[in-house]
Every structure is written in C-alpha cells, then in structure tokens.
Amino acid sequence: MACNMILVMLLNRYYSFLCQNATFMENEAVWAIDIGGTYTKLGLVTRNGAILKSSKFSTGAGAPFEEFLKKLENESKRLLTAANIRQKIIAVGVGAPNANANTGHIEHAANLRWGDQVPLKESLTRMFDLPVTIANDANASALGELQFGKGRGMENFIVLTLGTGLGSGIISNGQLLVGAHGMAGELGHVNVDPGPSARFCNCGLKGCLETYVSVTGMRRTIFELIAEMTDDSALRSISFEAMTGEIISKAALDGDPIALKAFKMTAETLGVQLADTAAHLDPEAFILLGGLSKAGSILLEPTIAAMEQNLFAAYKNRIKVMISNTSGTSTILGPAALAFG
C-alpha cells in the first residue's frame, strides 16, 4: 500500500511538472525570420512550434541592406500590432544565405547584393533589443526539421532547400554540423560541371550545383528547352524573373512537357550529387524543401532513381529521400528552433 501511495505521489508531481512546463512553453515566443533571395518570411512562434502570426515580403536582394532593414522593421511592427499576443517575446532567430553564426555576418551571399560582409546580427540586435541568433538558412531549416518536422527521431540527415539558390544543412549525431569556420554544408557550390560550357554562378565560380538545381537553375534549363523544343507550354508566356518554383511545379503537375523535361534533368543532376554526398556523410535521409519540392513525386522519383543508380553498394536502398512537411510560412520553424536553442 505504501509503495502504491508513493507511486501515486510521484505521478502527481510529474503531471504537475508537465502542466507547469506546458504553461511555460505557451507563455514564451520568439521572432523567427527566414531571409531568402526572393522573399523574407517573418513570424512569432511558441516553444512548442505554434505559429501565432506570420507574413512574408519581398526581400529586395538587389537593393541596399538598409532598405531591407526598414521593411523588416515596419513589417514586424505591423505584425506585432495585428497579433495581439499574450506571450513574452524572448529572442530572435534568423536563417539567411551564408549567415555565419561565428561572426554574426552574412558573408559573400551569392544571391544578395548587400556586400561581402553584412552585419546582420548587430543590426537586428539593435532593432529588436533582444538576443539574436543567426545561422545559414538551410542550417536553420535543418534544426527546424530536427525539432518539428521529418527529422524528428533521426540523428543523421541532410536538408536541402531548393529555392532561389540551393542551401543545405547537415545534422550529424543529433547536432548541427557547422565546421571550423561556421560555413559547413555549402553543397550548392560543389562543382558538377567542369566543362567549358558550365554555367556561371553568382558566387563567382562556374558549374556549381546551384546553377542547375535551384529555382534559378531550373529557369535557365527551361529557357534552354523553350529554344530547343516545339511543344506547347504555359511557361513560354512567363518572363524569367516571374517564373517561381511554385509556377514551375504547378506546370509540371499539370503535365506541361517543358516543365516535366526540366524536372527530369534537374532531378538526375540532384540524384547524382546526393549519391556523392552519401559517400561522405552516410545519412539516414535527405529532406527536400523549397519551391521546387512542391512538385512532389515528379521531383522525388527521378531523384531517388538517379541516386540509387550512383550509390556505393553499401548504401543502396538504405537512404531515404523525402519532402519536408513544412511549407510556405512554416519555414520559419527553423529560425524559431534556432532562437529557442
């Protein structure tokens, strides 16, 4: 009887702790910011991953950094007024291309025209008057997948963001791999075409994976196919700048022949590179997200086929390739995970 009473008492204390902890989690929120080459997503997120309010705006990658800061400040004020939240905001988490957690700067970002060393952390600390944590956008996405998404329960996986560029974040033994200089995981800038006709990359190199596997890379592929193919295509009437990943994905899902051909070519290039990356890191899975991932199996199936064809025998049929279940403004969950630490 005494043992039963002690057990009941311990269970009651544990239940009380869970309730208090849940309340604690619900009473705190962070600013989560995902800076992309085309759009920036912004939101208020609780510790358990609930998005209280979110929005997105044009990044203005070709305009000065100061203009971006003004837009971000105005949008955060508008969002805070509209949110009417009860939670205490305790920190800011930011994912951005080439953001270096060690220096607090965005460094040599290929798709942002803000300079080689952009003082992101310092600028946002002044703006929000809160602790700010920054990371490469794909690294932040990897943390988001680990805490809230497809990576839960896994200890070794790689996230690839297929947006304006190609970013990647590596989770190894349950931890984010950052490297000696805070810049690990730049798979978008491995060389996949050493030939003289290789595409120029905004980073200054030629033949980078990003120039073939990204929204920008697929635009180039589509415009080459438009010149080569005679098939009718809805993509013929869309300008280069207006052609988003979502538009390309929708066209493919609708059976557009040029979009389908472009996805096949892109997926084959991606699959070969995943096989190479597997040889270095032996991951449990690759998780794809971003505009091009909206095509679902049209991207996934040929990517898996190309990967399996090129995998070292020890890895065959053992590595998963999947599409993230986060989409749209849910990509701010990565920066939120970063802010909560």
Foldseek 3Di string as FASTA:
>chain_A
DVVVVVVVVVVVVVVVVVVVVVVVQLQEWEWFWEDDLFKIKIFIATPLGDTQWIDMDGQPLVDEPVVSLVVVLVVVVVGVVVRPDRHDYAEYFYAAACQFQVQCWRALRLSHPHDGTHNNQVSVCVSPVHHYGYAHLQQLLVLLCCNPWVNPPFQWEKEWEAELFIFMWTGHRNHTDQDPRRNPTRQQADADDPDPPFDATSSGDGRGLRCCGHLNNLLVQLVVVVVVDDDDFPCVPDDSVRRGLQNLLVRVVVPGVSSLVSLLRNLLSLLLSVQVVCVVGVGQEYEYHYSNCSNPCSNVVSNLVNNLVNHDPVCHPRYYYYYMPQDDSSSSSSSRSRTVD
